[in-house]
N, C-alpha and C. Protein backbone atom coordinates (compact mmCIF):
# COMPACT_ATOMS: atom_id res chain seq x y z
N MET A 1 87.13 86.53 66.62
CA MET A 1 87.74 86.68 65.25
C MET A 1 87.31 88.18 64.68
N ALA A 2 88.28 88.46 64.10
CA ALA A 2 88.40 89.94 63.69
C ALA A 2 87.30 90.26 62.56
N PRO A 3 86.50 91.42 62.71
CA PRO A 3 85.63 91.76 61.72
C PRO A 3 86.21 91.84 60.15
N PRO A 4 85.60 91.60 59.22
CA PRO A 4 86.34 91.78 57.85
C PRO A 4 86.66 92.94 57.47
N ALA A 5 87.88 93.06 56.74
CA ALA A 5 88.26 94.41 56.40
C ALA A 5 87.19 95.15 55.38
N PRO A 6 87.13 96.63 55.54
CA PRO A 6 86.10 97.14 54.88
C PRO A 6 86.48 96.96 53.32
N PHE A 7 85.40 96.84 52.38
CA PHE A 7 85.62 96.69 51.07
C PHE A 7 86.15 98.10 50.38
N ARG A 8 87.22 97.83 49.72
CA ARG A 8 87.86 99.20 48.94
C ARG A 8 87.75 98.84 47.41
N GLU A 9 87.18 99.69 46.61
CA GLU A 9 87.26 99.64 45.24
C GLU A 9 88.74 99.77 44.80
N ARG A 10 89.01 98.85 43.63
CA ARG A 10 90.32 98.86 43.26
C ARG A 10 90.54 100.26 42.63
N GLN A 11 91.57 100.82 42.76
CA GLN A 11 92.07 102.12 42.20
C GLN A 11 92.93 101.84 40.79
N GLU A 12 92.54 102.43 39.79
CA GLU A 12 93.36 102.21 38.51
C GLU A 12 94.63 103.43 38.42
N LEU A 13 95.71 102.70 38.84
CA LEU A 13 96.96 103.47 38.79
C LEU A 13 97.32 104.00 37.49
N MET A 14 96.99 103.32 36.33
CA MET A 14 97.47 103.84 35.03
C MET A 14 96.70 103.18 33.93
N ASP A 15 96.46 103.99 33.03
CA ASP A 15 95.89 103.32 31.63
C ASP A 15 96.71 102.71 30.72
N ALA A 16 96.27 102.13 29.73
CA ALA A 16 97.19 101.37 28.80
C ALA A 16 98.15 102.38 28.30
N ASP A 17 97.86 103.67 27.93
CA ASP A 17 98.61 104.46 27.22
C ASP A 17 99.94 104.97 28.34
N ARG A 18 99.61 105.23 29.54
CA ARG A 18 100.41 105.61 30.56
C ARG A 18 101.43 104.26 30.82
N LEU A 19 100.88 103.04 30.97
CA LEU A 19 101.51 101.95 31.10
C LEU A 19 102.62 101.63 29.92
N SER A 20 102.24 101.98 28.65
CA SER A 20 103.05 101.82 27.51
C SER A 20 104.22 102.88 27.43
N ARG A 21 103.87 104.19 27.92
CA ARG A 21 105.15 105.21 28.38
C ARG A 21 105.99 104.76 29.15
N THR A 22 105.50 104.26 30.29
CA THR A 22 106.17 103.54 31.64
C THR A 22 107.11 102.64 31.14
N LEU A 23 106.52 101.60 30.32
CA LEU A 23 107.65 100.61 29.92
C LEU A 23 108.70 100.97 29.08
N SER A 24 108.32 102.14 28.24
CA SER A 24 109.38 102.60 27.44
C SER A 24 110.52 103.23 28.22
N ARG A 25 109.89 103.96 29.08
CA ARG A 25 110.98 104.76 29.94
C ARG A 25 111.81 103.92 30.68
N MET A 26 111.28 102.66 31.35
CA MET A 26 111.86 101.80 32.17
C MET A 26 113.00 100.83 31.17
N ALA A 27 112.51 100.69 30.25
CA ALA A 27 113.48 99.92 29.05
C ALA A 27 114.68 101.10 28.91
N HIS A 28 114.41 102.07 28.65
CA HIS A 28 115.54 103.22 28.28
C HIS A 28 116.55 103.22 29.51
N GLU A 29 115.86 103.05 30.74
CA GLU A 29 116.69 103.33 31.84
C GLU A 29 117.41 102.07 32.16
N ILE A 30 117.09 100.84 31.86
CA ILE A 30 117.91 99.53 31.86
C ILE A 30 119.01 99.66 30.97
N LEU A 31 118.72 100.33 29.70
CA LEU A 31 119.76 100.31 28.60
C LEU A 31 120.81 101.46 28.99
N GLU A 32 120.42 102.27 29.93
CA GLU A 32 121.22 103.43 30.27
C GLU A 32 122.35 102.97 31.38
N ARG A 33 121.60 102.07 32.30
CA ARG A 33 122.38 101.36 33.46
C ARG A 33 123.31 100.40 32.77
N HIS A 34 122.86 99.64 31.77
CA HIS A 34 123.75 98.62 31.11
C HIS A 34 123.99 98.93 29.58
N PRO A 35 125.10 99.51 29.28
CA PRO A 35 125.49 99.75 27.83
C PRO A 35 125.52 98.54 27.19
N ASP A 36 126.35 97.63 27.80
CA ASP A 36 126.52 96.20 27.08
C ASP A 36 125.32 95.36 27.37
N ILE A 37 124.24 95.54 26.85
CA ILE A 37 123.03 94.94 27.03
C ILE A 37 122.87 93.43 26.97
N ARG A 38 123.84 92.94 25.96
CA ARG A 38 124.21 91.56 25.60
C ARG A 38 124.33 90.76 27.04
N GLY A 39 124.83 91.54 27.98
CA GLY A 39 124.92 90.63 29.26
C GLY A 39 123.98 90.55 30.15
N THR A 40 122.77 91.06 29.78
CA THR A 40 121.60 91.23 30.75
C THR A 40 120.45 90.24 30.10
N VAL A 41 119.65 89.70 31.37
CA VAL A 41 118.65 88.72 31.11
C VAL A 41 117.74 89.33 31.90
N LEU A 42 116.27 89.38 31.30
CA LEU A 42 115.29 89.90 31.89
C LEU A 42 114.40 88.48 32.42
N VAL A 43 114.25 88.50 33.60
CA VAL A 43 113.27 87.33 34.34
C VAL A 43 112.29 87.65 35.00
N GLY A 44 111.02 87.40 34.47
CA GLY A 44 109.48 87.88 35.08
C GLY A 44 109.20 86.82 36.03
N VAL A 45 108.67 87.38 37.22
CA VAL A 45 108.04 86.56 38.12
C VAL A 45 106.78 86.16 37.71
N ARG A 46 106.42 84.80 37.63
CA ARG A 46 105.10 84.29 37.19
C ARG A 46 104.08 84.98 38.40
N THR A 47 102.95 85.48 37.93
CA THR A 47 102.42 85.45 36.67
C THR A 47 102.61 86.73 35.97
N ARG A 48 102.25 87.91 36.65
CA ARG A 48 102.20 89.17 36.00
C ARG A 48 103.31 89.73 35.57
N GLY A 49 104.59 89.31 36.27
CA GLY A 49 105.98 89.85 35.95
C GLY A 49 106.46 89.21 34.57
N VAL A 50 105.93 88.18 33.94
CA VAL A 50 106.44 87.65 32.80
C VAL A 50 106.00 88.34 31.48
N PRO A 51 104.80 88.65 31.12
CA PRO A 51 104.37 89.42 30.45
C PRO A 51 104.98 90.93 30.33
N LEU A 52 105.37 91.45 31.40
CA LEU A 52 105.87 92.84 31.64
C LEU A 52 107.43 92.67 31.06
N ALA A 53 108.14 91.62 31.56
CA ALA A 53 109.47 91.36 30.99
C ALA A 53 109.52 91.23 29.45
N ARG A 54 108.45 90.39 29.02
CA ARG A 54 108.56 90.58 27.53
C ARG A 54 108.33 91.72 26.79
N ARG A 55 107.20 92.58 27.35
CA ARG A 55 107.15 93.90 26.86
C ARG A 55 108.55 94.71 26.87
N LEU A 56 109.24 94.76 28.04
CA LEU A 56 110.22 95.45 28.34
C LEU A 56 111.38 95.12 27.29
N ALA A 57 111.38 93.73 26.92
CA ALA A 57 112.50 93.35 26.03
C ALA A 57 112.18 93.86 24.70
N ALA A 58 110.96 93.78 24.30
CA ALA A 58 110.28 94.31 22.81
C ALA A 58 110.99 95.85 22.97
N ARG A 59 110.59 96.48 23.90
CA ARG A 59 110.83 98.07 23.97
C ARG A 59 112.49 98.26 23.71
N MET A 60 113.17 97.47 24.35
CA MET A 60 114.72 97.40 24.55
C MET A 60 115.28 97.30 23.00
N LYS A 61 114.45 96.37 22.48
CA LYS A 61 114.83 96.14 21.01
C LYS A 61 114.63 96.98 20.21
N GLU A 62 113.53 97.76 20.31
CA GLU A 62 113.20 99.07 19.48
C GLU A 62 114.21 100.15 19.59
N ALA A 63 114.70 100.36 20.85
CA ALA A 63 115.71 101.21 21.18
C ALA A 63 117.07 101.00 20.87
N SER A 64 117.52 99.69 21.03
CA SER A 64 118.96 99.37 20.89
C SER A 64 119.21 98.25 19.69
N GLY A 65 118.11 97.95 19.28
CA GLY A 65 118.45 96.55 18.19
C GLY A 65 118.73 95.35 18.46
N PHE A 66 118.76 95.27 19.84
CA PHE A 66 119.01 93.99 20.53
C PHE A 66 117.99 93.57 21.56
N GLU A 67 117.49 92.42 21.57
CA GLU A 67 116.43 91.82 22.56
C GLU A 67 116.96 90.98 23.42
N PRO A 68 117.14 91.37 24.75
CA PRO A 68 117.67 90.55 25.64
C PRO A 68 116.94 89.35 25.95
N PRO A 69 117.59 88.10 26.32
CA PRO A 69 116.67 86.85 26.39
C PRO A 69 115.78 87.32 27.90
N VAL A 70 114.70 86.56 27.84
CA VAL A 70 113.49 86.60 28.62
C VAL A 70 113.26 85.27 29.28
N GLY A 71 113.03 85.14 30.63
CA GLY A 71 112.92 83.94 31.22
C GLY A 71 111.65 84.01 31.99
N ALA A 72 111.19 83.07 32.66
CA ALA A 72 109.93 83.19 33.60
C ALA A 72 110.22 82.31 34.81
N LEU A 73 109.82 82.79 35.91
CA LEU A 73 110.29 82.33 37.08
C LEU A 73 109.00 81.78 37.97
N ASP A 74 108.92 80.62 38.25
CA ASP A 74 107.82 80.24 39.06
C ASP A 74 108.40 79.98 40.59
N ILE A 75 107.92 80.85 41.30
CA ILE A 75 108.33 80.67 42.75
C ILE A 75 107.55 79.98 43.65
N THR A 76 106.64 79.18 43.24
CA THR A 76 105.68 78.42 44.18
C THR A 76 106.36 77.65 45.24
N LEU A 77 107.26 76.96 44.86
CA LEU A 77 107.89 75.99 45.89
C LEU A 77 108.99 76.86 46.69
N TYR A 78 109.38 77.96 46.42
CA TYR A 78 110.32 78.77 47.25
C TYR A 78 109.48 79.49 48.20
N ARG A 79 108.19 79.65 48.20
CA ARG A 79 107.39 80.49 49.19
C ARG A 79 107.46 80.10 50.42
N ASP A 80 107.51 81.19 51.43
CA ASP A 80 107.79 80.87 52.77
C ASP A 80 106.13 80.41 53.51
N ASP A 81 105.15 80.69 52.55
CA ASP A 81 104.01 80.28 53.26
C ASP A 81 103.18 79.06 52.29
N LEU A 82 104.29 78.27 51.94
CA LEU A 82 103.77 77.10 51.00
C LEU A 82 102.84 76.22 51.76
N THR A 83 102.83 76.12 53.15
CA THR A 83 101.92 75.41 53.70
C THR A 83 100.69 75.89 53.72
N THR A 84 100.48 77.27 53.49
CA THR A 84 99.02 77.80 53.60
C THR A 84 98.53 77.70 52.13
N VAL A 85 99.21 77.40 51.21
CA VAL A 85 98.86 77.53 49.83
C VAL A 85 97.80 76.31 49.46
N GLY A 86 98.08 75.48 49.96
CA GLY A 86 97.36 74.13 49.88
C GLY A 86 98.13 72.89 49.74
N PRO A 87 97.62 71.70 49.85
CA PRO A 87 98.23 70.29 49.80
C PRO A 87 98.97 70.17 48.43
N GLN A 88 98.49 70.70 47.36
CA GLN A 88 99.00 70.18 46.14
C GLN A 88 98.92 71.44 45.35
N PRO A 89 100.30 72.29 45.51
CA PRO A 89 100.21 73.67 44.72
C PRO A 89 100.39 73.30 43.29
N VAL A 90 99.88 74.42 42.36
CA VAL A 90 99.88 74.37 40.92
C VAL A 90 101.27 74.98 40.48
N LEU A 91 102.13 74.32 39.81
CA LEU A 91 102.98 74.47 39.33
C LEU A 91 102.98 75.00 38.02
N LYS A 92 103.57 76.23 37.64
CA LYS A 92 103.44 76.68 36.24
C LYS A 92 104.90 76.66 35.49
N GLY A 93 105.69 76.41 35.97
CA GLY A 93 107.14 76.11 35.72
C GLY A 93 107.89 77.27 35.47
N THR A 94 109.28 76.93 35.37
CA THR A 94 110.34 77.93 35.36
C THR A 94 110.87 77.67 34.17
N ASP A 95 111.23 78.89 33.49
CA ASP A 95 111.83 78.72 32.14
C ASP A 95 112.93 79.88 31.84
N ILE A 96 114.14 79.58 32.29
CA ILE A 96 115.30 80.69 31.85
C ILE A 96 116.10 80.07 30.73
N PRO A 97 115.96 80.90 29.69
CA PRO A 97 116.59 80.33 28.31
C PRO A 97 118.10 80.29 28.06
N THR A 98 118.78 80.87 29.05
CA THR A 98 120.13 81.05 28.90
C THR A 98 120.81 80.98 30.36
N SER A 99 122.17 80.78 30.42
CA SER A 99 122.68 80.89 31.46
C SER A 99 122.79 82.21 32.18
N ILE A 100 122.58 82.28 33.51
CA ILE A 100 122.73 83.56 34.28
C ILE A 100 124.17 83.86 34.83
N ASP A 101 125.04 82.96 34.74
CA ASP A 101 126.07 82.99 35.38
C ASP A 101 127.03 84.26 34.85
N GLY A 102 127.32 85.27 35.78
CA GLY A 102 128.12 86.32 35.23
C GLY A 102 127.46 87.34 34.65
N ARG A 103 126.10 87.27 34.33
CA ARG A 103 125.19 88.17 33.77
C ARG A 103 124.59 89.21 34.74
N THR A 104 123.88 90.33 34.26
CA THR A 104 123.13 91.01 35.05
C THR A 104 121.63 90.48 34.94
N VAL A 105 121.00 90.25 35.72
CA VAL A 105 119.63 89.73 35.94
C VAL A 105 118.52 90.81 36.31
N VAL A 106 117.64 91.20 35.56
CA VAL A 106 116.64 92.17 35.83
C VAL A 106 115.45 91.34 36.32
N LEU A 107 115.11 91.42 37.42
CA LEU A 107 113.91 90.61 37.97
C LEU A 107 112.87 91.57 37.81
N VAL A 108 111.57 90.98 36.95
CA VAL A 108 110.46 92.06 36.85
C VAL A 108 109.27 91.33 37.51
N ASP A 109 108.58 92.19 38.27
CA ASP A 109 107.24 91.94 38.73
C ASP A 109 106.39 93.15 38.63
N ASP A 110 105.07 92.96 38.86
CA ASP A 110 104.23 94.23 38.78
C ASP A 110 104.17 95.10 40.17
N VAL A 111 104.05 94.34 41.12
CA VAL A 111 103.78 94.94 42.59
C VAL A 111 105.23 94.69 43.48
N LEU A 112 105.65 95.55 44.24
CA LEU A 112 106.39 95.17 45.43
C LEU A 112 105.79 95.62 46.59
N PHE A 113 105.53 94.51 47.55
CA PHE A 113 104.86 94.74 48.78
C PHE A 113 105.67 94.37 50.02
N THR A 114 105.41 93.15 50.44
CA THR A 114 106.18 92.74 51.67
C THR A 114 107.68 92.47 51.22
N GLY A 115 107.80 92.16 50.04
CA GLY A 115 109.28 91.77 49.66
C GLY A 115 109.36 90.17 49.83
N ARG A 116 108.34 89.53 50.31
CA ARG A 116 108.60 88.05 50.34
C ARG A 116 108.50 87.35 49.06
N THR A 117 107.81 87.74 47.99
CA THR A 117 107.85 87.38 46.68
C THR A 117 109.21 87.58 46.12
N VAL A 118 109.79 88.54 46.35
CA VAL A 118 111.17 88.81 45.78
C VAL A 118 111.97 88.00 46.42
N ARG A 119 112.19 87.66 47.70
CA ARG A 119 113.01 86.85 48.35
C ARG A 119 112.68 85.47 47.93
N ALA A 120 111.56 84.98 47.48
CA ALA A 120 111.62 83.55 46.92
C ALA A 120 112.22 83.62 45.79
N ALA A 121 111.94 84.49 45.12
CA ALA A 121 112.52 84.79 43.48
C ALA A 121 114.09 84.68 43.67
N LEU A 122 114.83 85.46 44.53
CA LEU A 122 116.17 85.52 44.59
C LEU A 122 116.47 84.04 45.07
N ASP A 123 115.89 83.47 46.07
CA ASP A 123 116.43 82.15 46.31
C ASP A 123 116.43 80.99 45.06
N GLU A 124 115.36 81.16 44.43
CA GLU A 124 115.30 80.38 43.09
C GLU A 124 116.44 80.72 42.14
N LEU A 125 116.52 82.08 41.85
CA LEU A 125 117.47 82.37 41.13
C LEU A 125 119.14 81.89 41.10
N ILE A 126 119.43 82.10 42.66
CA ILE A 126 120.60 81.47 42.98
C ILE A 126 120.76 80.08 42.79
N ASP A 127 119.70 79.43 42.84
CA ASP A 127 119.71 77.93 42.63
C ASP A 127 119.99 77.68 41.05
N PHE A 128 119.82 78.69 40.06
CA PHE A 128 120.21 78.65 38.91
C PHE A 128 121.37 79.02 38.42
N GLY A 129 122.19 79.72 38.98
CA GLY A 129 123.49 80.07 38.95
C GLY A 129 123.98 81.20 39.74
N ARG A 130 125.14 81.81 39.22
CA ARG A 130 125.56 82.99 40.09
C ARG A 130 125.67 84.18 39.02
N PRO A 131 124.82 85.14 39.07
CA PRO A 131 124.64 86.29 38.25
C PRO A 131 125.63 87.42 38.75
N ALA A 132 126.19 88.22 38.01
CA ALA A 132 127.04 89.08 38.49
C ALA A 132 126.38 90.30 39.33
N ARG A 133 125.01 90.43 39.11
CA ARG A 133 124.13 91.43 39.80
C ARG A 133 122.74 91.12 39.28
N ILE A 134 121.97 91.25 40.35
CA ILE A 134 120.42 91.02 40.20
C ILE A 134 119.67 92.50 40.71
N GLU A 135 118.94 93.11 39.62
CA GLU A 135 118.05 94.35 39.89
C GLU A 135 116.82 93.91 39.79
N LEU A 136 115.86 94.53 40.64
CA LEU A 136 114.52 94.45 40.65
C LEU A 136 113.86 95.68 39.91
N ALA A 137 113.01 95.30 38.90
CA ALA A 137 112.10 96.43 38.25
C ALA A 137 110.73 96.01 38.43
N VAL A 138 109.96 97.00 39.14
CA VAL A 138 108.62 96.84 39.42
C VAL A 138 107.79 98.15 38.95
N LEU A 139 106.57 97.87 38.64
CA LEU A 139 105.58 99.27 38.37
C LEU A 139 105.21 99.90 39.56
N VAL A 140 104.95 99.23 40.68
CA VAL A 140 104.42 99.74 41.76
C VAL A 140 105.11 99.46 43.10
N ASP A 141 105.43 100.15 43.88
CA ASP A 141 105.88 99.77 45.19
C ASP A 141 104.85 100.26 46.20
N ARG A 142 104.25 99.14 46.94
CA ARG A 142 103.20 99.46 47.68
C ARG A 142 103.73 99.92 49.40
N GLY A 143 104.99 99.49 49.61
CA GLY A 143 105.51 99.85 50.77
C GLY A 143 105.18 98.71 51.66
N HIS A 144 105.37 98.97 53.14
CA HIS A 144 105.01 97.92 53.98
C HIS A 144 105.85 96.71 53.83
N ARG A 145 107.15 96.87 53.53
CA ARG A 145 108.25 95.96 53.67
C ARG A 145 108.34 95.12 54.70
N GLU A 146 108.44 93.78 54.75
CA GLU A 146 108.55 92.82 55.90
C GLU A 146 110.03 92.46 55.90
N LEU A 147 110.90 92.66 54.54
CA LEU A 147 112.22 92.16 54.47
C LEU A 147 112.99 93.55 53.92
N PRO A 148 114.26 93.58 54.07
CA PRO A 148 115.09 94.61 53.58
C PRO A 148 115.30 94.51 52.09
N ILE A 149 114.00 94.82 51.07
CA ILE A 149 114.31 94.56 49.81
C ILE A 149 113.62 95.85 49.30
N HIS A 150 114.56 96.45 47.93
CA HIS A 150 114.01 97.60 47.50
C HIS A 150 114.18 97.33 45.88
N ALA A 151 113.56 98.14 44.99
CA ALA A 151 113.45 97.98 43.70
C ALA A 151 114.36 99.04 43.12
N VAL A 152 115.14 98.96 42.23
CA VAL A 152 116.02 99.83 41.67
C VAL A 152 115.27 100.50 40.52
N LEU A 153 114.40 99.97 39.76
CA LEU A 153 113.78 100.55 38.75
C LEU A 153 112.16 100.47 39.26
N LEU A 154 111.33 101.59 39.31
CA LEU A 154 110.02 101.39 39.68
C LEU A 154 109.36 102.65 39.24
N LEU A 155 108.11 102.61 38.81
CA LEU A 155 107.23 103.58 38.37
C LEU A 155 106.73 104.50 39.60
N GLU A 156 106.00 104.08 40.56
CA GLU A 156 105.63 105.00 41.68
C GLU A 156 105.40 104.15 42.94
N ARG A 157 105.40 104.95 43.97
CA ARG A 157 105.06 104.39 45.25
C ARG A 157 103.78 104.73 45.67
N VAL A 158 102.86 103.58 46.22
CA VAL A 158 101.65 103.90 46.45
C VAL A 158 101.45 103.55 48.08
N ALA A 159 101.12 104.72 48.71
CA ALA A 159 100.85 104.46 50.32
C ALA A 159 99.45 104.03 50.46
N GLY A 160 99.44 103.38 51.48
CA GLY A 160 97.89 102.96 51.89
C GLY A 160 98.00 102.06 53.17
N PRO A 161 96.78 101.84 53.79
CA PRO A 161 96.74 101.35 55.06
C PRO A 161 97.40 99.64 54.77
N ARG A 162 98.02 99.29 55.87
CA ARG A 162 98.48 97.59 55.84
C ARG A 162 97.38 96.86 56.00
N PRO A 163 97.25 96.09 54.90
CA PRO A 163 96.02 95.19 54.91
C PRO A 163 96.16 94.21 56.11
N ARG A 164 95.01 93.81 56.73
CA ARG A 164 94.98 92.86 57.76
C ARG A 164 95.32 91.38 57.01
N THR A 165 96.11 90.69 57.91
CA THR A 165 96.44 89.30 57.50
C THR A 165 96.00 88.44 58.60
N PRO A 166 95.56 87.16 58.29
CA PRO A 166 95.12 86.20 59.31
C PRO A 166 96.23 85.92 60.46
N ALA A 167 95.86 85.82 61.67
CA ALA A 167 96.65 85.68 62.64
C ALA A 167 97.22 84.12 62.43
N ARG A 168 98.57 84.12 62.84
CA ARG A 168 99.43 82.92 62.66
C ARG A 168 99.14 82.07 63.72
N LYS A 169 98.91 81.00 63.92
CA LYS A 169 98.77 80.07 65.13
C LYS A 169 100.14 79.92 65.79
N ARG A 170 100.25 80.18 66.97
CA ARG A 170 101.50 80.20 67.86
C ARG A 170 101.62 78.86 68.45
N ARG A 171 102.95 78.17 68.48
CA ARG A 171 103.14 77.09 69.06
C ARG A 171 103.24 77.32 70.68
N ARG A 172 102.94 76.50 71.33
CA ARG A 172 103.09 76.33 72.81
C ARG A 172 104.34 75.90 73.13
N ARG A 173 105.05 76.68 73.95
CA ARG A 173 106.38 76.18 74.29
C ARG A 173 105.96 75.14 75.53
N ARG A 174 106.73 74.19 75.59
CA ARG A 174 106.60 73.12 76.70
C ARG A 174 107.80 73.20 77.77
């Protein structure tokens, strides 16, 4: 068994004031990218992406006078590690208040890391319809991607050591 990873204190990347400024800047970027904002839907990945999506929508309303619809995506059943979550995963529910067919979906989450959460979110979104485009907005990109996924809108990249993950059991070939 590998020794436990050394304890690292959490690093505060931004205070409340900086987060507020960042969300305003991100909202303006979305508005610049999509002048016809009425064709845009914000969808937050549960849990931390949902309040971010709501705050972005409120900032967009302040700037444009129109608040795009905001949905919430529960990716639990779409995860590729579902068997390690437990025998009875807790579902929080998906709520997308409008059709996404032919619209631009801005998928919102707090952190982009391996890309597996985003992959699960994309799979679920496609089950809801056929958007014209899906863009990813995140506050922090930690790198260490395992899938070819990148954010279109992001605050900052944070480099650091790749965390250790438990070794997976390998099946023996017969």
